[in-house]
């Protein structure tokens, strides 16, 4: 997915995928939800959000709601919060956000 936000192009095809939560198997599934965290070449984080008609990502139509998708910009701190909330692997979190993580084993 590609989208222009604040006069900058964000593209899931050219960005690095950091972590994913959920999956869309069938766009007709009203409750299907997927969120994928990306980092672009400028170090900016964004979330590709997809969801069925009964999710927060649904798009309004004249006849109700349908599958929808969007991109949301995140700060580095918000990206880390998302990873923690979505239980991204510790390896991924430490690799991407080491500068924001306190290691309790070595903290004094």
PDB file of N, CA and C in Angstrom:
ATOM      1  N   UNK A   1       0.850  -1.173   0.000  1.00  0.00           N
ATOM      2  CA  UNK A   1       0.000   0.000   0.000  1.00  0.00           C
ATOM      3  C   UNK A   1       0.892   1.231   0.000  1.00  0.00           C
ATOM      4  N   UNK A   2       0.484   2.221  -0.713  1.00  0.00           N
ATOM      5  CA  UNK A   2       1.215   3.477  -0.794  1.00  0.00           C
ATOM      6  C   UNK A   2       0.268   4.620  -0.447  1.00  0.00           C
ATOM      7  N   UNK A   3       0.792   5.577   0.325  1.00  0.00           N
ATOM      8  CA  UNK A   3      -0.041   6.717   0.699  1.00  0.00           C
ATOM      9  C   UNK A   3       0.842   7.936   0.932  1.00  0.00           C
ATOM     10  N   UNK A   4       0.341   9.104   0.563  1.00  0.00           N
ATOM     11  CA  UNK A   4       1.041  10.360   0.818  1.00  0.00           C
ATOM     12  C   UNK A   4       0.478  10.954   2.106  1.00  0.00           C
ATOM     13  N   UNK A   5       1.376  11.205   3.068  1.00  0.00           N
ATOM     14  CA  UNK A   5       1.000  11.792   4.351  1.00  0.00           C
ATOM     15  C   UNK A   5       1.980  12.927   4.629  1.00  0.00           C
ATOM     16  N   UNK A   6       1.455  14.096   4.905  1.00  0.00           N
ATOM     17  CA  UNK A   6       2.299  15.268   5.174  1.00  0.00           C
ATOM     18  C   UNK A   6       3.337  15.492   4.072  1.00  0.00           C
ATOM     19  N   UNK A   7       2.894  15.310   2.829  1.00  0.00           N
ATOM     20  CA  UNK A   7       3.710  15.537   1.635  1.00  0.00           C
ATOM     21  C   UNK A   7       4.887  14.585   1.498  1.00  0.00           C
ATOM     22  N   UNK A   8       4.792  13.430   2.133  1.00  0.00           N
ATOM     23  CA  UNK A   8       5.808  12.385   2.004  1.00  0.00           C
ATOM     24  C   UNK A   8       5.119  11.093   1.609  1.00  0.00           C
ATOM     25  N   UNK A   9       5.807  10.300   0.778  1.00  0.00           N
ATOM     26  CA  UNK A   9       5.260   9.022   0.327  1.00  0.00           C
ATOM     27  C   UNK A   9       5.699   7.923   1.288  1.00  0.00           C
ATOM     28  N   UNK A  10       4.730   7.148   1.756  1.00  0.00           N
ATOM     29  CA  UNK A  10       4.986   5.972   2.583  1.00  0.00           C
ATOM     30  C   UNK A  10       4.504   4.767   1.792  1.00  0.00           C
ATOM     31  N   UNK A  11       5.367   3.757   1.658  1.00  0.00           N
ATOM     32  CA  UNK A  11       5.078   2.620   0.790  1.00  0.00           C
ATOM     33  C   UNK A  11       5.489   1.325   1.483  1.00  0.00           C
ATOM     34  N   UNK A  12       4.548   0.430   1.671  1.00  0.00           N
ATOM     35  CA  UNK A  12       4.848  -0.848   2.328  1.00  0.00           C
ATOM     36  C   UNK A  12       5.775  -1.717   1.481  1.00  0.00           C
ATOM     37  N   UNK A  13       5.783  -1.518   0.164  1.00  0.00           N
ATOM     38  CA  UNK A  13       6.641  -2.332  -0.710  1.00  0.00           C
ATOM     39  C   UNK A  13       8.116  -1.959  -0.610  1.00  0.00           C
ATOM     40  N   UNK A  14       8.413  -0.724  -0.235  1.00  0.00           N
ATOM     41  CA  UNK A  14       9.811  -0.297  -0.185  1.00  0.00           C
ATOM     42  C   UNK A  14      10.336  -0.126   1.242  1.00  0.00           C
ATOM     43  N   UNK A  15       9.492  -0.285   2.239  1.00  0.00           N
ATOM     44  CA  UNK A  15       9.906  -0.139   3.641  1.00  0.00           C
ATOM     45  C   UNK A  15      10.260  -1.503   4.231  1.00  0.00           C
ATOM     46  N   UNK A  16      10.976  -1.485   5.348  1.00  0.00           N
ATOM     47  CA  UNK A  16      11.331  -2.718   6.059  1.00  0.00           C
ATOM     48  C   UNK A  16      10.207  -3.103   7.008  1.00  0.00           C
ATOM     49  N   UNK A  17       9.779  -4.361   6.922  1.00  0.00           N
ATOM     50  CA  UNK A  17       8.752  -4.855   7.837  1.00  0.00           C
ATOM     51  C   UNK A  17       9.415  -5.223   9.157  1.00  0.00           C
ATOM     52  N   UNK A  18       8.905  -4.659  10.239  1.00  0.00           N
ATOM     53  CA  UNK A  18       9.462  -4.894  11.570  1.00  0.00           C
ATOM     54  C   UNK A  18       8.696  -6.001  12.291  1.00  0.00           C
ATOM     55  N   UNK A  19       7.378  -5.908  12.314  1.00  0.00           N
ATOM     56  CA  UNK A  19       6.555  -6.892  13.030  1.00  0.00           C
ATOM     57  C   UNK A  19       5.136  -6.867  12.478  1.00  0.00           C
ATOM     58  N   UNK A  20       4.431  -7.990  12.700  1.00  0.00           N
ATOM     59  CA  UNK A  20       3.052  -8.103  12.221  1.00  0.00           C
ATOM     60  C   UNK A  20       2.185  -8.723  13.305  1.00  0.00           C
ATOM     61  N   UNK A  21       0.935  -8.255  13.360  1.00  0.00           N
ATOM     62  CA  UNK A  21      -0.043  -8.807  14.299  1.00  0.00           C
ATOM     63  C   UNK A  21      -1.315  -9.130  13.524  1.00  0.00           C
ATOM     64  N   UNK A  22      -1.791 -10.349  13.641  1.00  0.00           N
ATOM     65  CA  UNK A  22      -3.021 -10.758  12.967  1.00  0.00           C
ATOM     66  C   UNK A  22      -2.795 -11.047  11.498  1.00  0.00           C
ATOM     67  N   UNK A  23      -3.870 -11.460  10.843  1.00  0.00           N
ATOM     68  CA  UNK A  23      -3.798 -11.786   9.414  1.00  0.00           C
ATOM     69  C   UNK A  23      -5.175 -11.638   8.790  1.00  0.00           C
ATOM     70  N   UNK A  24      -5.187 -11.235   7.538  1.00  0.00           N
ATOM     71  CA  UNK A  24      -6.429 -11.153   6.772  1.00  0.00           C
ATOM     72  C   UNK A  24      -6.445 -12.343   5.822  1.00  0.00           C
ATOM     73  N   UNK A  25      -7.255 -13.329   6.126  1.00  0.00           N
ATOM     74  CA  UNK A  25      -7.395 -14.498   5.264  1.00  0.00           C
ATOM     75  C   UNK A  25      -8.501 -14.257   4.251  1.00  0.00           C
ATOM     76  N   UNK A  26      -9.558 -13.600   4.711  1.00  0.00           N
ATOM     77  CA  UNK A  26     -10.732 -13.346   3.875  1.00  0.00           C
ATOM     78  C   UNK A  26     -11.212 -11.924   4.143  1.00  0.00           C
ATOM     79  N   UNK A  27     -11.155 -11.063   3.129  1.00  0.00           N
ATOM     80  CA  UNK A  27     -11.595  -9.678   3.308  1.00  0.00           C
ATOM     81  C   UNK A  27     -13.079  -9.579   3.640  1.00  0.00           C
ATOM     82  N   UNK A  28     -13.828 -10.648   3.439  1.00  0.00           N
ATOM     83  CA  UNK A  28     -15.242 -10.682   3.783  1.00  0.00           C
ATOM     84  C   UNK A  28     -15.493 -10.993   5.249  1.00  0.00           C
ATOM     85  N   UNK A  29     -14.440 -11.376   5.984  1.00  0.00           N
ATOM     86  CA  UNK A  29     -14.556 -11.655   7.415  1.00  0.00           C
ATOM     87  C   UNK A  29     -14.684 -10.322   8.156  1.00  0.00           C
ATOM     88  N   UNK A  30     -15.846 -10.073   8.731  1.00  0.00           N
ATOM     89  CA  UNK A  30     -16.120  -8.786   9.373  1.00  0.00           C
ATOM     90  C   UNK A  30     -15.158  -8.463  10.511  1.00  0.00           C
ATOM     91  N   UNK A  31     -14.608  -9.484  11.165  1.00  0.00           N
ATOM     92  CA  UNK A  31     -13.775  -9.266  12.342  1.00  0.00           C
ATOM     93  C   UNK A  31     -12.285  -9.454  12.081  1.00  0.00           C
ATOM     94  N   UNK A  32     -11.908  -9.754  10.846  1.00  0.00           N
ATOM     95  CA  UNK A  32     -10.493  -9.943  10.515  1.00  0.00           C
ATOM     96  C   UNK A  32      -9.743  -8.635  10.736  1.00  0.00           C
ATOM     97  N   UNK A  33      -8.536  -8.746  11.279  1.00  0.00           N
ATOM     98  CA  UNK A  33      -7.744  -7.563  11.570  1.00  0.00           C
ATOM     99  C   UNK A  33      -6.267  -7.896  11.422  1.00  0.00           C
ATOM    100  N   UNK A  34      -5.519  -7.017  10.792  1.00  0.00           N
ATOM    101  CA  UNK A  34      -4.071  -7.179  10.674  1.00  0.00           C
ATOM    102  C   UNK A  34      -3.418  -5.810  10.778  1.00  0.00           C
ATOM    103  N   UNK A  35      -2.319  -5.765  11.510  1.00  0.00           N
ATOM    104  CA  UNK A  35      -1.524  -4.550  11.628  1.00  0.00           C
ATOM    105  C   UNK A  35      -0.070  -4.942  11.403  1.00  0.00           C
ATOM    106  N   UNK A  36       0.622  -4.184  10.561  1.00  0.00           N
ATOM    107  CA  UNK A  36       2.020  -4.458  10.263  1.00  0.00           C
ATOM    108  C   UNK A  36       2.823  -3.185  10.467  1.00  0.00           C
ATOM    109  N   UNK A  37       3.881  -3.299  11.266  1.00  0.00           N
ATOM    110  CA  UNK A  37       4.752  -2.165  11.555  1.00  0.00           C
ATOM    111  C   UNK A  37       5.890  -2.134  10.549  1.00  0.00           C
ATOM    112  N   UNK A  38       6.111  -0.955   9.961  1.00  0.00           N
ATOM    113  CA  UNK A  38       7.175  -0.754   8.981  1.00  0.00           C
ATOM    114  C   UNK A  38       8.080   0.392   9.411  1.00  0.00           C
ATOM    115  N   UNK A  39       9.301   0.368   8.859  1.00  0.00           N
ATOM    116  CA  UNK A  39      10.258   1.463   9.031  1.00  0.00           C
ATOM    117  C   UNK A  39      10.777   1.822   7.648  1.00  0.00           C
ATOM    118  N   UNK A  40      10.699   3.104   7.290  1.00  0.00           N
ATOM    119  CA  UNK A  40      11.144   3.499   5.955  1.00  0.00           C
ATOM    120  C   UNK A  40      12.634   3.842   5.949  1.00  0.00           C
ATOM    121  N   UNK A  41      13.159   4.185   4.792  1.00  0.00           N
ATOM    122  CA  UNK A  41      14.591   4.447   4.641  1.00  0.00           C
ATOM    123  C   UNK A  41      15.049   5.685   5.408  1.00  0.00           C
ATOM    124  N   UNK A  42      14.124   6.538   5.816  1.00  0.00           N
ATOM    125  CA  UNK A  42      14.454   7.716   6.624  1.00  0.00           C
ATOM    126  C   UNK A  42      14.356   7.438   8.118  1.00  0.00           C
ATOM    127  N   UNK A  43      14.064   6.188   8.479  1.00  0.00           N
ATOM    128  CA  UNK A  43      13.954   5.827   9.888  1.00  0.00           C
ATOM    129  C   UNK A  43      12.613   6.145  10.505  1.00  0.00           C
ATOM    130  N   UNK A  44      11.623   6.461   9.678  1.00  0.00           N
ATOM    131  CA  UNK A  44      10.288   6.766  10.189  1.00  0.00           C
ATOM    132  C   UNK A  44       9.446   5.495  10.255  1.00  0.00           C
ATOM    133  N   UNK A  45       8.643   5.395  11.303  1.00  0.00           N
ATOM    134  CA  UNK A  45       7.798   4.224  11.515  1.00  0.00           C
ATOM    135  C   UNK A  45       6.372   4.508  11.071  1.00  0.00           C
ATOM    136  N   UNK A  46       5.751   3.490  10.496  1.00  0.00           N
ATOM    137  CA  UNK A  46       4.336   3.599  10.163  1.00  0.00           C
ATOM    138  C   UNK A  46       3.684   2.238  10.261  1.00  0.00           C
ATOM    139  N   UNK A  47       2.386   2.263  10.479  1.00  0.00           N
ATOM    140  CA  UNK A  47       1.597   1.059  10.681  1.00  0.00           C
ATOM    141  C   UNK A  47       0.632   0.901   9.521  1.00  0.00           C
ATOM    142  N   UNK A  48       0.669  -0.269   8.876  1.00  0.00           N
ATOM    143  CA  UNK A  48      -0.311  -0.597   7.837  1.00  0.00           C
ATOM    144  C   UNK A  48      -1.419  -1.354   8.552  1.00  0.00           C
ATOM    145  N   UNK A  49      -2.612  -0.766   8.578  1.00  0.00           N
ATOM    146  CA  UNK A  49      -3.748  -1.317   9.308  1.00  0.00           C
ATOM    147  C   UNK A  49      -4.806  -1.792   8.324  1.00  0.00           C
ATOM    148  N   UNK A  50      -5.289  -3.017   8.519  1.00  0.00           N
ATOM    149  CA  UNK A  50      -6.331  -3.594   7.678  1.00  0.00           C
ATOM    150  C   UNK A  50      -7.385  -4.213   8.578  1.00  0.00           C
ATOM    151  N   UNK A  51      -8.639  -4.124   8.159  1.00  0.00           N
ATOM    152  CA  UNK A  51      -9.668  -4.741   8.973  1.00  0.00           C
ATOM    153  C   UNK A  51     -10.986  -4.909   8.255  1.00  0.00           C
ATOM    154  N   UNK A  52     -11.753  -5.877   8.734  1.00  0.00           N
ATOM    155  CA  UNK A  52     -13.072  -6.166   8.193  1.00  0.00           C
ATOM    156  C   UNK A  52     -14.090  -5.109   8.584  1.00  0.00           C
ATOM    157  N   UNK A  53     -15.310  -5.305   8.134  1.00  0.00           N
ATOM    158  CA  UNK A  53     -16.383  -4.319   8.295  1.00  0.00           C
ATOM    159  C   UNK A  53     -16.741  -4.025   9.749  1.00  0.00           C
ATOM    160  N   UNK A  54     -16.413  -4.911  10.683  1.00  0.00           N
ATOM    161  CA  UNK A  54     -16.748  -4.695  12.091  1.00  0.00           C
ATOM    162  C   UNK A  54     -15.543  -4.235  12.908  1.00  0.00           C
ATOM    163  N   UNK A  55     -14.474  -3.791  12.243  1.00  0.00           N
ATOM    164  CA  UNK A  55     -13.275  -3.345  12.950  1.00  0.00           C
ATOM    165  C   UNK A  55     -13.140  -1.828  12.861  1.00  0.00           C
ATOM    166  N   UNK A  56     -12.197  -1.304  13.621  1.00  0.00           N
ATOM    167  CA  UNK A  56     -11.944   0.140  13.607  1.00  0.00           C
ATOM    168  C   UNK A  56     -11.408   0.633  12.270  1.00  0.00           C
ATOM    169  N   UNK A  57     -10.948  -0.278  11.416  1.00  0.00           N
ATOM    170  CA  UNK A  57     -10.386   0.109  10.122  1.00  0.00           C
ATOM    171  C   UNK A  57     -11.392   0.017   8.977  1.00  0.00           C
ATOM    172  N   UNK A  58     -12.619  -0.323   9.274  1.00  0.00           N
ATOM    173  CA  UNK A  58     -13.664  -0.429   8.247  1.00  0.00           C
ATOM    174  C   UNK A  58     -13.856   0.907   7.540  1.00  0.00           C
ATOM    175  N   UNK A  59     -14.216   0.831   6.274  1.00  0.00           N
ATOM    176  CA  UNK A  59     -14.525   2.034   5.500  1.00  0.00           C
ATOM    177  C   UNK A  59     -16.031   2.168   5.361  1.00  0.00           C
ATOM    178  N   UNK A  60     -16.499   3.394   5.471  1.00  0.00           N
ATOM    179  CA  UNK A  60     -17.928   3.679   5.330  1.00  0.00           C
ATOM    180  C   UNK A  60     -18.312   3.684   3.853  1.00  0.00           C
ATOM    181  N   UNK A  61     -19.444   3.095   3.550  1.00  0.00           N
ATOM    182  CA  UNK A  61     -20.015   3.123   2.202  1.00  0.00           C
ATOM    183  C   UNK A  61     -21.467   3.576   2.332  1.00  0.00           C
ATOM    184  N   UNK A  62     -22.117   3.896   1.230  1.00  0.00           N
ATOM    185  CA  UNK A  62     -23.536   4.279   1.320  1.00  0.00           C
ATOM    186  C   UNK A  62     -24.416   3.179   1.926  1.00  0.00           C
ATOM    187  N   UNK A  63     -23.968   1.921   1.837  1.00  0.00           N
ATOM    188  CA  UNK A  63     -24.757   0.796   2.343  1.00  0.00           C
ATOM    189  C   UNK A  63     -24.271   0.255   3.683  1.00  0.00           C
ATOM    190  N   UNK A  64     -23.356   0.949   4.343  1.00  0.00           N
ATOM    191  CA  UNK A  64     -22.843   0.457   5.619  1.00  0.00           C
ATOM    192  C   UNK A  64     -21.333   0.532   5.657  1.00  0.00           C
ATOM    193  N   UNK A  65     -20.699  -0.554   6.109  1.00  0.00           N
ATOM    194  CA  UNK A  65     -19.243  -0.584   6.185  1.00  0.00           C
ATOM    195  C   UNK A  65     -18.699  -1.769   5.414  1.00  0.00           C
ATOM    196  N   UNK A  66     -17.418  -1.669   5.055  1.00  0.00           N
ATOM    197  CA  UNK A  66     -16.740  -2.733   4.329  1.00  0.00           C
ATOM    198  C   UNK A  66     -15.286  -2.782   4.783  1.00  0.00           C
ATOM    199  N   UNK A  67     -14.549  -3.770   4.311  1.00  0.00           N
ATOM    200  CA  UNK A  67     -13.119  -3.897   4.579  1.00  0.00           C
ATOM    201  C   UNK A  67     -12.424  -2.565   4.315  1.00  0.00           C
ATOM    202  N   UNK A  68     -11.466  -2.225   5.154  1.00  0.00           N
ATOM    203  CA  UNK A  68     -10.715  -0.994   4.945  1.00  0.00           C
ATOM    204  C   UNK A  68      -9.259  -1.158   5.329  1.00  0.00           C
ATOM    205  N   UNK A  69      -8.449  -0.241   4.852  1.00  0.00           N
ATOM    206  CA  UNK A  69      -7.040  -0.235   5.226  1.00  0.00           C
ATOM    207  C   UNK A  69      -6.525   1.194   5.210  1.00  0.00           C
ATOM    208  N   UNK A  70      -5.494   1.436   6.019  1.00  0.00           N
ATOM    209  CA  UNK A  70      -4.921   2.768   6.123  1.00  0.00           C
ATOM    210  C   UNK A  70      -3.477   2.658   6.587  1.00  0.00           C
ATOM    211  N   UNK A  71      -2.760   3.751   6.516  1.00  0.00           N
ATOM    212  CA  UNK A  71      -1.422   3.857   7.083  1.00  0.00           C
ATOM    213  C   UNK A  71      -1.466   4.902   8.183  1.00  0.00           C
ATOM    214  N   UNK A  72      -0.807   4.613   9.300  1.00  0.00           N
ATOM    215  CA  UNK A  72      -0.734   5.545  10.425  1.00  0.00           C
ATOM    216  C   UNK A  72       0.730   5.778  10.764  1.00  0.00           C
ATOM    217  N   UNK A  73       1.131   7.032  10.894  1.00  0.00           N
ATOM    218  CA  UNK A  73       2.498   7.360  11.287  1.00  0.00           C
ATOM    219  C   UNK A  73       2.667   7.169  12.786  1.00  0.00           C
ATOM    220  N   UNK A  74       3.848   6.674  13.190  1.00  0.00           N
ATOM    221  CA  UNK A  74       4.154   6.468  14.604  1.00  0.00           C
ATOM    222  C   UNK A  74       5.525   7.047  14.918  1.00  0.00           C
ATOM    223  N   UNK A  75       5.684   7.589  16.112  1.00  0.00           N
ATOM    224  CA  UNK A  75       7.012   7.948  16.593  1.00  0.00           C
ATOM    225  C   UNK A  75       7.719   6.647  16.972  1.00  0.00           C
ATOM    226  N   UNK A  76       9.009   6.718  17.237  1.00  0.00           N
ATOM    227  CA  UNK A  76       9.744   5.522  17.645  1.00  0.00           C
ATOM    228  C   UNK A  76       9.178   4.971  18.955  1.00  0.00           C
ATOM    229  N   UNK A  77       8.836   5.862  19.869  1.00  0.00           N
ATOM    230  CA  UNK A  77       8.269   5.438  21.152  1.00  0.00           C
ATOM    231  C   UNK A  77       6.907   4.770  20.956  1.00  0.00           C
ATOM    232  N   UNK A  78       6.086   5.321  20.069  1.00  0.00           N
ATOM    233  CA  UNK A  78       4.780   4.717  19.779  1.00  0.00           C
ATOM    234  C   UNK A  78       4.947   3.357  19.107  1.00  0.00           C
ATOM    235  N   UNK A  79       5.964   3.233  18.258  1.00  0.00           N
ATOM    236  CA  UNK A  79       6.229   1.949  17.603  1.00  0.00           C
ATOM    237  C   UNK A  79       6.620   0.897  18.644  1.00  0.00           C
ATOM    238  N   UNK A  80       7.443   1.281  19.608  1.00  0.00           N
ATOM    239  CA  UNK A  80       7.811   0.368  20.692  1.00  0.00           C
ATOM    240  C   UNK A  80       6.588  -0.002  21.523  1.00  0.00           C
ATOM    241  N   UNK A  81       5.752   0.974  21.850  1.00  0.00           N
ATOM    242  CA  UNK A  81       4.522   0.694  22.598  1.00  0.00           C
ATOM    243  C   UNK A  81       3.648  -0.303  21.837  1.00  0.00           C
ATOM    244  N   UNK A  82       3.535  -0.124  20.522  1.00  0.00           N
ATOM    245  CA  UNK A  82       2.736  -1.037  19.700  1.00  0.00           C
ATOM    246  C   UNK A  82       3.316  -2.450  19.787  1.00  0.00           C
ATOM    247  N   UNK A  83       4.639  -2.571  19.682  1.00  0.00           N
ATOM    248  CA  UNK A  83       5.289  -3.889  19.765  1.00  0.00           C
ATOM    249  C   UNK A  83       5.011  -4.559  21.103  1.00  0.00           C
ATOM    250  N   UNK A  84       5.073  -3.797  22.176  1.00  0.00           N
ATOM    251  CA  UNK A  84       4.802  -4.362  23.494  1.00  0.00           C
ATOM    252  C   UNK A  84       3.341  -4.784  23.614  1.00  0.00           C
ATOM    253  N   UNK A  85       2.435  -3.948  23.144  1.00  0.00           N
ATOM    254  CA  UNK A  85       1.000  -4.249  23.224  1.00  0.00           C
ATOM    255  C   UNK A  85       0.642  -5.473  22.390  1.00  0.00           C
ATOM    256  N   UNK A  86       1.284  -5.620  21.252  1.00  0.00           N
ATOM    257  CA  UNK A  86       0.984  -6.720  20.329  1.00  0.00           C
ATOM    258  C   UNK A  86       1.894  -7.930  20.533  1.00  0.00           C
ATOM    259  N   UNK A  87       2.685  -7.915  21.592  1.00  0.00           N
ATOM    260  CA  UNK A  87       3.558  -9.036  21.957  1.00  0.00           C
ATOM    261  C   UNK A  87       4.514  -9.435  20.839  1.00  0.00           C
ATOM    262  N   UNK A  88       5.154  -8.437  20.239  1.00  0.00           N
ATOM    263  CA  UNK A  88       6.189  -8.727  19.240  1.00  0.00           C
ATOM    264  C   UNK A  88       7.321  -9.473  19.934  1.00  0.00           C
ATOM    265  N   UNK A  89       8.083 -10.230  19.192  1.00  0.00           N
ATOM    266  CA  UNK A  89       9.151 -11.033  19.787  1.00  0.00           C
ATOM    267  C   UNK A  89      10.180 -10.141  20.476  1.00  0.00           C
ATOM    268  N   UNK A  90      10.749 -10.643  21.563  1.00  0.00           N
ATOM    269  CA  UNK A  90      11.777  -9.899  22.292  1.00  0.00           C
ATOM    270  C   UNK A  90      12.960  -9.603  21.388  1.00  0.00           C
ATOM    271  N   UNK A  91      13.302 -10.548  20.534  1.00  0.00           N
ATOM    272  CA  UNK A  91      14.415 -10.358  19.600  1.00  0.00           C
ATOM    273  C   UNK A  91      14.166  -9.148  18.696  1.00  0.00           C
ATOM    274  N   UNK A  92      12.966  -9.060  18.151  1.00  0.00           N
ATOM    275  CA  UNK A  92      12.610  -7.932  17.287  1.00  0.00           C
ATOM    276  C   UNK A  92      12.658  -6.623  18.056  1.00  0.00           C
ATOM    277  N   UNK A  93      12.076  -6.603  19.242  1.00  0.00           N
ATOM    278  CA  UNK A  93      12.027  -5.387  20.054  1.00  0.00           C
ATOM    279  C   UNK A  93      13.435  -4.932  20.424  1.00  0.00           C
ATOM    280  N   UNK A  94      14.277  -5.849  20.882  1.00  0.00           N
ATOM    281  CA  UNK A  94      15.635  -5.481  21.280  1.00  0.00           C
ATOM    282  C   UNK A  94      16.472  -5.037  20.090  1.00  0.00           C
ATOM    283  N   UNK A  95      16.295  -5.678  18.954  1.00  0.00           N
ATOM    284  CA  UNK A  95      17.050  -5.305  17.754  1.00  0.00           C
ATOM    285  C   UNK A  95      16.670  -3.905  17.278  1.00  0.00           C
ATOM    286  N   UNK A  96      15.399  -3.593  17.302  1.00  0.00           N
ATOM    287  CA  UNK A  96      14.912  -2.326  16.742  1.00  0.00           C
ATOM    288  C   UNK A  96      14.926  -1.170  17.738  1.00  0.00           C
ATOM    289  N   UNK A  97      14.743  -1.471  19.017  1.00  0.00           N
ATOM    290  CA  UNK A  97      14.540  -0.407  20.004  1.00  0.00           C
ATOM    291  C   UNK A  97      15.501  -0.499  21.190  1.00  0.00           C
ATOM    292  N   UNK A  98      16.683  -1.036  20.986  1.00  0.00           N
ATOM    293  CA  UNK A  98      17.635  -1.240  22.079  1.00  0.00           C
ATOM    294  C   UNK A  98      17.910   0.047  22.853  1.00  0.00           C
ATOM    295  N   UNK A  99      17.944   1.172  22.153  1.00  0.00           N
ATOM    296  CA  UNK A  99      18.242   2.443  22.814  1.00  0.00           C
ATOM    297  C   UNK A  99      17.118   2.918  23.737  1.00  0.00           C
ATOM    298  N   UNK A 100      15.942   2.321  23.627  1.00  0.00           N
ATOM    299  CA  UNK A 100      14.804   2.708  24.470  1.00  0.00           C
ATOM    300  C   UNK A 100      14.493   1.677  25.558  1.00  0.00           C
ATOM    301  N   UNK A 101      15.257   0.586  25.582  1.00  0.00           N
ATOM    302  CA  UNK A 101      14.977  -0.530  26.491  1.00  0.00           C
ATOM    303  C   UNK A 101      15.968  -0.535  27.649  1.00  0.00           C
ATOM    304  N   UNK A 102      15.433  -0.673  28.840  1.00  0.00           N
ATOM    305  CA  UNK A 102      16.272  -0.832  30.022  1.00  0.00           C
ATOM    306  C   UNK A 102      16.460  -2.323  30.263  1.00  0.00           C
ATOM    307  N   UNK A 103      17.694  -2.752  30.384  1.00  0.00           N
ATOM    308  CA  UNK A 103      17.979  -4.154  30.661  1.00  0.00           C
ATOM    309  C   UNK A 103      18.010  -4.334  32.176  1.00  0.00           C
ATOM    310  N   UNK A 104      16.988  -4.966  32.725  1.00  0.00           N
ATOM    311  CA  UNK A 104      16.879  -5.106  34.183  1.00  0.00           C
ATOM    312  C   UNK A 104      17.957  -6.015  34.754  1.00  0.00           C
ATOM    313  N   UNK A 105      18.570  -6.847  33.924  1.00  0.00           N
ATOM    314  CA  UNK A 105      19.631  -7.728  34.407  1.00  0.00           C
ATOM    315  C   UNK A 105      20.927  -6.978  34.670  1.00  0.00           C
ATOM    316  N   UNK A 106      21.115  -5.828  34.011  1.00  0.00           N
ATOM    317  CA  UNK A 106      22.346  -5.071  34.202  1.00  0.00           C
ATOM    318  C   UNK A 106      22.103  -3.720  34.857  1.00  0.00           C
ATOM    319  N   UNK A 107      20.846  -3.357  35.090  1.00  0.00           N
ATOM    320  CA  UNK A 107      20.532  -2.064  35.708  1.00  0.00           C
ATOM    321  C   UNK A 107      20.977  -2.070  37.164  1.00  0.00           C
ATOM    322  N   UNK A 108      21.459  -0.937  37.639  1.00  0.00           N
ATOM    323  CA  UNK A 108      21.915  -0.864  39.023  1.00  0.00           C
ATOM    324  C   UNK A 108      21.165   0.185  39.772  1.00  0.00           C
TER     325      UNK A 108
END
